[in-house]
Amino acid sequence: MKLLSVAIPCYNSEAYMEKAIKSILVGGDEVEIIIVDDGSTDGTAAIADSYAEQYPGIVKAVHQENGGHGEAVNTGIKNATGLYFKVVDSDDRLSREPFLEVLRHLEELSGGADTVDLFITNFVYDKQGASRKKVMRFSHIFPKEKIFGWKDMGHLPKGKYLLMHSLIYRTRLLKECGLELPKHTFYVDNLFAYEPLPYVRTMYYLDVDLYRYFIGREDQSVNEAVMIRRIDQQILVNKRMVDVYSEGNFSDKHLKKYMFSYLDIITTVSSIMMIRSGTEENLEKKKELLNYIRSKDIKVYKELRHSLLGCVMNLPGRSGRKVAVAAYRLTQKFYGFN
């Protein structure tokens, strides 16, 4: 069995996917690379096949009809044979020395009672044109280089939460929890970082800057204008997170608190994008989202409305919406996202 399976979802990625692939090949025979060609129409398929031919014991090329990022991740999980599983998007990459250090620690943890459910690292917002790269670090939140549980974690401030880029799951956990991301939907990385958490009991944090998260392409899904155009998909993900939280059977109050905070952030992002659009249609969609939450779970609705972010996002009138946008901009600048 391989130590780590890494899925690379690819759609028309010929211009940049090789950087991602090469950064993972550093791991050698311990790593299984699953390149998922999601119905590409450019040279992506040929590049995937070429690497599979060059590295037959390491690289798998899987071709499928276009199903979107979530379906590509689903395919990666289904084809994974490694003990652990990670997703690396085709325009991102892993840093060499941190990656080798991660593999050393995974090897030490593998097998027996020490196999952890979730391995966590830092990631870097590799924003195009930015002279200073923002690092999402968790050194003051999680115990370093030791196995821990939810009760052992410190306070996560607003705007700081676990994204897909930080996470390496135990593969069997993902399969046993039945994670199935929706097709043809952007922003499902939030579901990947959210839905399996109630099944996670043990964690391990290594304070290294492993993942380089590239931000800067005009067509990128986290580009604000693109997010507004795709607001229906953001709302779909938001609603599914509401369902997961409201239906959750939480074994730990610290886990529940964290998952509420994450839901609060995503609901805030949805709200601010609809406010930023400035259209009556999207303001109605914002009301509809709140009505959905209220009908699903009135207690969750009240908690979200009365949280600090909820209060700011729902100030009445045009002036209230201006305050909400200003607050979002301040948070955005401080944490470096989007």
Protein backbone atom coordinates (compact mmCIF):
# COMPACT_ATOMS: atom_id res chain seq x y z
CA MET A 1 0.00 0.00 0.00
CA LYS A 2 1.19 3.50 -0.85
CA LEU A 3 1.59 5.95 2.00
CA LEU A 4 -0.21 8.85 0.30
CA SER A 5 -2.58 9.22 -2.63
CA VAL A 6 -2.71 12.68 -4.21
CA ALA A 7 -5.53 13.52 -6.61
CA ILE A 8 -5.04 16.31 -9.15
CA PRO A 9 -8.38 17.39 -10.67
CA CYS A 10 -7.67 18.78 -14.14
CA TYR A 11 -9.88 20.59 -16.59
CA ASN A 12 -8.14 22.26 -19.55
CA SER A 13 -5.04 22.57 -17.37
CA GLU A 14 -2.31 22.05 -19.96
CA ALA A 15 -0.71 25.45 -19.22
CA TYR A 16 0.11 24.77 -15.57
CA MET A 17 -0.65 21.18 -14.48
CA GLU A 18 2.93 19.95 -14.93
CA LYS A 19 4.17 22.17 -12.09
CA ALA A 20 1.68 20.51 -9.78
CA ILE A 21 2.62 17.01 -10.97
CA LYS A 22 6.37 17.59 -10.66
CA SER A 23 6.03 19.01 -7.17
CA ILE A 24 4.37 15.75 -6.05
CA LEU A 25 6.74 13.42 -7.91
CA VAL A 26 9.34 14.51 -5.36
CA GLY A 27 7.67 12.03 -2.98
CA GLY A 28 8.86 9.06 -5.02
CA ASP A 29 7.45 5.56 -4.61
CA GLU A 30 5.68 6.39 -1.34
CA VAL A 31 3.20 8.51 -3.28
CA GLU A 32 0.41 7.64 -5.70
CA ILE A 33 -0.54 10.48 -8.07
CA ILE A 34 -4.03 10.29 -9.57
CA ILE A 35 -4.45 12.76 -12.43
CA VAL A 36 -8.17 13.11 -13.11
CA ASP A 37 -8.83 14.51 -16.57
CA ASP A 38 -12.34 15.94 -16.19
CA GLY A 39 -13.41 15.97 -19.83
CA SER A 40 -10.73 18.41 -20.98
CA THR A 41 -10.70 19.63 -24.57
CA ASP A 42 -7.06 20.81 -24.68
CA GLY A 43 -3.83 18.85 -24.18
CA THR A 44 -4.57 17.85 -20.58
CA ALA A 45 -5.37 14.21 -21.40
CA ALA A 46 -2.17 13.76 -23.39
CA ILE A 47 -0.05 15.24 -20.61
CA ALA A 48 -1.73 12.96 -18.05
CA ASP A 49 -1.11 9.88 -20.20
CA SER A 50 2.50 10.91 -20.78
CA TYR A 51 3.24 11.05 -17.04
CA ALA A 52 1.42 7.76 -16.47
CA GLU A 53 3.68 6.13 -19.09
CA GLN A 54 6.84 7.67 -17.61
CA TYR A 55 5.98 6.75 -14.01
CA PRO A 56 3.84 3.60 -14.21
CA GLY A 57 4.23 2.70 -10.54
CA ILE A 58 3.40 6.20 -9.34
CA VAL A 59 1.07 8.05 -11.72
CA LYS A 60 -2.44 7.02 -12.74
CA ALA A 61 -4.30 8.89 -15.50
CA VAL A 62 -8.07 8.69 -15.15
CA HIS A 63 -10.30 10.16 -17.87
CA GLN A 64 -13.97 10.96 -17.37
CA GLU A 65 -16.79 13.02 -18.84
CA ASN A 66 -16.89 16.53 -17.47
CA GLY A 67 -18.44 16.48 -14.00
CA GLY A 68 -16.77 19.45 -12.35
CA HIS A 69 -14.23 19.74 -9.56
CA GLY A 70 -16.31 17.79 -7.05
CA GLU A 71 -16.76 14.81 -9.35
CA ALA A 72 -13.02 14.82 -10.08
CA VAL A 73 -12.33 14.66 -6.33
CA ASN A 74 -14.89 11.84 -6.01
CA THR A 75 -13.04 9.95 -8.74
CA GLY A 76 -9.75 10.55 -6.96
CA ILE A 77 -11.11 9.07 -3.73
CA LYS A 78 -12.57 6.04 -5.54
CA ASN A 79 -9.22 5.32 -7.21
CA ALA A 80 -7.06 5.99 -4.17
CA THR A 81 -5.17 3.06 -2.67
CA GLY A 82 -2.90 5.01 -0.34
CA LEU A 83 -3.27 5.10 3.44
CA TYR A 84 -3.80 8.87 3.31
CA PHE A 85 -5.43 11.14 0.73
CA LYS A 86 -4.82 14.72 -0.40
CA VAL A 87 -6.14 16.95 -3.18
CA VAL A 88 -3.84 19.32 -5.06
CA ASP A 89 -5.51 21.55 -7.62
CA SER A 90 -3.83 21.65 -11.01
CA ASP A 91 -2.79 25.31 -10.72
CA ASP A 92 -1.27 24.85 -7.24
CA ARG A 93 1.79 22.98 -6.03
CA LEU A 94 3.55 21.54 -2.99
CA SER A 95 6.83 22.87 -1.59
CA ARG A 96 9.65 20.31 -1.78
CA GLU A 97 11.19 20.23 1.71
CA PRO A 98 7.90 20.54 3.61
CA PHE A 99 6.48 17.72 1.47
CA LEU A 100 9.37 15.40 2.29
CA GLU A 101 8.98 16.24 5.97
CA VAL A 102 5.24 15.50 5.80
CA LEU A 103 5.97 12.09 4.28
CA ARG A 104 8.45 11.31 7.05
CA HIS A 105 5.84 12.10 9.70
CA LEU A 106 3.11 10.15 7.89
CA GLU A 107 5.43 7.15 7.76
CA GLU A 108 5.98 7.37 11.51
CA LEU A 109 2.23 7.62 12.12
CA SER A 110 1.17 4.90 9.70
CA GLY A 111 -0.21 1.63 10.95
CA GLY A 112 -1.39 0.51 14.34
CA ALA A 113 -2.93 2.77 16.97
CA ASP A 114 -1.02 5.85 15.80
CA THR A 115 -2.76 6.17 12.41
CA VAL A 116 -4.52 9.54 12.65
CA ASP A 117 -7.73 10.57 10.92
CA LEU A 118 -6.55 14.01 9.83
CA PHE A 119 -3.07 15.43 9.20
CA ILE A 120 -2.87 19.25 9.09
CA THR A 121 -0.27 21.62 7.62
CA ASN A 122 -0.06 25.32 6.78
CA PHE A 123 -0.73 26.75 3.33
CA VAL A 124 0.42 29.87 1.50
CA TYR A 125 -1.81 32.29 -0.37
CA ASP A 126 0.42 32.60 -3.45
CA LYS A 127 -1.31 35.71 -4.72
CA GLN A 128 -0.11 36.92 -8.10
CA GLY A 129 1.69 40.26 -7.83
CA ALA A 130 1.76 40.31 -4.03
CA SER A 131 5.23 40.99 -2.63
CA ARG A 132 4.27 39.45 0.71
CA LYS A 133 2.66 36.04 0.67
CA LYS A 134 0.09 35.43 3.40
CA VAL A 135 0.61 32.14 5.26
CA MET A 136 -2.34 30.44 6.92
CA ARG A 137 -0.56 29.03 9.96
CA PHE A 138 -2.10 27.15 12.90
CA SER A 139 0.83 27.08 15.32
CA HIS A 140 -1.08 28.92 18.07
CA ILE A 141 -4.19 26.77 17.65
CA PHE A 142 -3.11 23.13 17.38
CA PRO A 143 -0.52 21.22 19.43
CA LYS A 144 2.57 20.64 17.31
CA GLU A 145 3.82 17.20 16.29
CA LYS A 146 1.62 15.20 18.61
CA ILE A 147 -1.65 13.32 18.27
CA PHE A 148 -4.57 15.35 19.63
CA GLY A 149 -8.36 15.58 19.64
CA TRP A 150 -10.89 18.40 19.27
CA LYS A 151 -10.78 19.28 22.96
CA ASP A 152 -7.05 20.00 22.67
CA MET A 153 -7.32 22.72 20.03
CA GLY A 154 -7.15 26.42 20.85
CA HIS A 155 -9.40 29.21 19.67
CA LEU A 156 -9.71 29.74 15.91
CA PRO A 157 -10.31 33.45 15.23
CA LYS A 158 -12.88 34.52 12.65
CA GLY A 159 -11.52 34.26 9.13
CA LYS A 160 -9.11 31.47 10.05
CA TYR A 161 -10.31 27.97 9.37
CA LEU A 162 -9.22 24.71 7.78
CA LEU A 163 -9.38 24.71 4.01
CA MET A 164 -8.81 21.79 1.67
CA HIS A 165 -5.22 22.96 1.16
CA SER A 166 -4.33 22.19 4.80
CA LEU A 167 -5.83 18.73 4.95
CA ILE A 168 -4.63 15.17 4.49
CA TYR A 169 -7.35 12.68 5.45
CA ARG A 170 -7.08 9.00 6.22
CA THR A 171 -8.41 7.51 2.97
CA ARG A 172 -10.60 4.90 4.60
CA LEU A 173 -12.34 7.59 6.64
CA LEU A 174 -13.38 9.43 3.46
CA LYS A 175 -14.74 6.21 1.97
CA GLU A 176 -16.52 5.09 5.14
CA CYS A 177 -18.19 8.46 5.77
CA GLY A 178 -19.66 8.32 2.27
CA LEU A 179 -18.41 11.70 1.09
CA GLU A 180 -19.89 12.41 -2.35
CA LEU A 181 -19.35 15.93 -3.65
CA PRO A 182 -21.96 17.39 -6.03
CA LYS A 183 -21.31 17.45 -9.77
CA HIS A 184 -20.90 20.63 -11.84
CA THR A 185 -20.53 22.77 -8.72
CA PHE A 186 -17.75 25.11 -7.70
CA TYR A 187 -16.73 25.78 -4.05
CA VAL A 188 -17.11 22.12 -3.08
CA ASP A 189 -13.68 22.32 -1.43
CA ASN A 190 -15.61 23.74 1.52
CA LEU A 191 -17.64 20.53 1.70
CA PHE A 192 -14.44 18.47 1.50
CA ALA A 193 -13.11 20.40 4.50
CA TYR A 194 -16.42 20.21 6.40
CA GLU A 195 -18.51 17.08 5.93
CA PRO A 196 -15.95 14.47 7.11
CA LEU A 197 -15.12 16.33 10.34
CA PRO A 198 -17.69 14.59 12.60
CA TYR A 199 -15.90 11.33 11.76
CA VAL A 200 -12.48 12.71 12.73
CA ARG A 201 -11.30 11.70 16.19
CA THR A 202 -7.53 12.08 16.07
CA MET A 203 -5.42 14.77 14.40
CA TYR A 204 -1.77 15.72 13.94
CA TYR A 205 -0.37 19.16 13.07
CA LEU A 206 2.97 19.77 11.40
CA ASP A 207 4.02 23.44 11.29
CA VAL A 208 5.31 23.55 7.70
CA ASP A 209 4.18 25.62 4.71
CA LEU A 210 3.32 22.71 2.44
CA TYR A 211 0.68 23.94 -0.01
CA ARG A 212 1.07 26.89 -2.40
CA TYR A 213 -2.44 28.11 -3.21
CA PHE A 214 -2.25 30.19 -6.37
CA ILE A 215 -4.58 33.17 -6.65
CA GLY A 216 -4.63 35.56 -9.55
CA ARG A 217 -6.17 34.16 -12.73
CA GLU A 218 -9.12 36.20 -13.97
CA ASP A 219 -11.20 33.05 -14.54
CA GLN A 220 -10.40 31.60 -11.12
CA SER A 221 -13.41 30.50 -9.08
CA VAL A 222 -12.43 32.67 -6.09
CA ASN A 223 -12.27 35.81 -8.22
CA GLU A 224 -15.02 38.03 -6.79
CA ALA A 225 -16.72 38.76 -10.12
CA VAL A 226 -16.70 35.03 -10.92
CA MET A 227 -18.13 34.21 -7.49
CA ILE A 228 -21.00 36.62 -8.08
CA ARG A 229 -21.75 35.04 -11.46
CA ARG A 230 -21.75 31.61 -9.81
CA ILE A 231 -23.66 32.65 -6.71
CA ASP A 232 -26.22 29.85 -7.17
CA GLN A 233 -23.43 27.29 -6.73
CA GLN A 234 -22.13 29.07 -3.63
CA ILE A 235 -25.68 29.00 -2.22
CA LEU A 236 -26.00 25.28 -2.99
CA VAL A 237 -22.80 24.55 -1.04
CA ASN A 238 -23.93 26.85 1.77
CA LYS A 239 -27.27 25.03 2.09
CA ARG A 240 -25.59 21.64 2.15
CA MET A 241 -23.34 22.85 4.98
CA VAL A 242 -26.45 23.98 6.85
CA ASP A 243 -27.91 20.49 6.38
CA VAL A 244 -24.73 18.82 7.65
CA TYR A 245 -24.56 21.04 10.73
CA SER A 246 -28.25 20.90 11.64
CA GLU A 247 -28.40 17.12 11.18
CA GLY A 248 -25.06 16.48 12.88
CA ASN A 249 -24.65 14.19 15.85
CA PHE A 250 -21.60 15.82 17.42
CA SER A 251 -19.47 13.80 19.78
CA ASP A 252 -17.56 16.84 21.00
CA LYS A 253 -18.67 20.39 21.85
CA HIS A 254 -15.38 21.81 20.53
CA LEU A 255 -16.02 20.22 17.16
CA LYS A 256 -19.55 21.60 17.10
CA LYS A 257 -18.28 25.09 17.94
CA TYR A 258 -15.73 24.94 15.15
CA MET A 259 -18.25 23.70 12.58
CA PHE A 260 -20.66 26.49 13.53
CA SER A 261 -17.89 29.07 13.08
CA TYR A 262 -17.08 27.67 9.63
CA LEU A 263 -20.76 27.75 8.65
CA ASP A 264 -20.97 31.33 9.90
CA ILE A 265 -18.04 32.34 7.66
CA ILE A 266 -19.43 30.64 4.54
CA THR A 267 -22.87 32.18 5.11
CA THR A 268 -21.16 35.56 5.44
CA VAL A 269 -19.30 35.07 2.16
CA SER A 270 -22.54 34.10 0.42
CA SER A 271 -24.30 37.14 1.84
CA ILE A 272 -21.58 39.61 0.95
CA MET A 273 -21.35 38.35 -2.63
CA MET A 274 -25.08 38.85 -3.07
CA ILE A 275 -24.83 42.31 -1.52
CA ARG A 276 -21.83 43.18 -3.70
CA SER A 277 -23.72 42.21 -6.86
CA GLY A 278 -26.11 45.10 -6.24
CA THR A 279 -29.02 43.39 -7.97
CA GLU A 280 -32.51 43.00 -6.55
CA GLU A 281 -32.52 39.40 -7.75
CA ASN A 282 -29.52 38.50 -5.61
CA LEU A 283 -30.83 40.42 -2.60
CA GLU A 284 -33.93 38.24 -2.88
CA LYS A 285 -31.69 35.17 -3.04
CA LYS A 286 -30.04 36.35 0.18
CA LYS A 287 -33.47 36.44 1.84
CA GLU A 288 -34.29 33.03 0.42
CA LEU A 289 -31.07 31.58 1.88
CA LEU A 290 -31.96 32.93 5.32
CA ASN A 291 -35.48 31.54 4.97
CA TYR A 292 -34.02 28.15 4.05
CA ILE A 293 -31.87 28.17 7.19
CA ARG A 294 -34.84 29.22 9.32
CA SER A 295 -37.04 26.43 7.91
CA LYS A 296 -34.27 23.87 8.31
CA ASP A 297 -33.34 24.70 11.90
CA ILE A 298 -34.68 27.73 13.74
CA LYS A 299 -32.01 27.45 16.43
CA VAL A 300 -29.18 27.51 13.86
CA TYR A 301 -30.90 30.43 12.13
CA LYS A 302 -31.02 32.46 15.35
CA GLU A 303 -27.41 31.65 16.18
CA LEU A 304 -26.26 32.76 12.72
CA ARG A 305 -28.34 35.94 12.77
CA HIS A 306 -27.02 36.92 16.20
CA SER A 307 -23.36 36.13 15.58
CA LEU A 308 -21.08 39.11 15.03
CA LEU A 309 -20.80 38.38 11.31
CA GLY A 310 -24.53 37.73 11.01
CA CYS A 311 -25.41 41.05 12.64
CA VAL A 312 -23.10 42.99 10.29
CA MET A 313 -24.26 41.15 7.14
CA ASN A 314 -27.92 41.82 7.88
CA LEU A 315 -27.92 45.50 8.74
CA PRO A 316 -30.99 47.06 7.06
CA GLY A 317 -31.04 49.31 4.01
CA ARG A 318 -28.41 50.60 1.62
CA SER A 319 -26.27 52.10 4.38
CA GLY A 320 -26.30 48.79 6.22
CA ARG A 321 -25.10 47.03 3.10
CA LYS A 322 -22.25 49.55 2.77
CA VAL A 323 -21.14 48.81 6.32
CA ALA A 324 -21.24 45.07 5.55
CA VAL A 325 -19.05 45.53 2.47
CA ALA A 326 -16.57 47.70 4.41
CA ALA A 327 -16.33 45.08 7.16
CA TYR A 328 -15.75 42.36 4.58
CA ARG A 329 -13.04 44.40 2.85
CA LEU A 330 -11.23 44.89 6.16
CA THR A 331 -11.32 41.17 6.90
CA GLN A 332 -10.27 40.37 3.35
CA LYS A 333 -7.23 42.64 3.59
CA PHE A 334 -6.19 41.27 6.97
CA TYR A 335 -6.40 37.59 6.06
CA GLY A 336 -5.38 37.87 2.41
CA PHE A 337 -8.14 35.74 0.92
CA ASN A 338 -9.83 36.21 -2.49
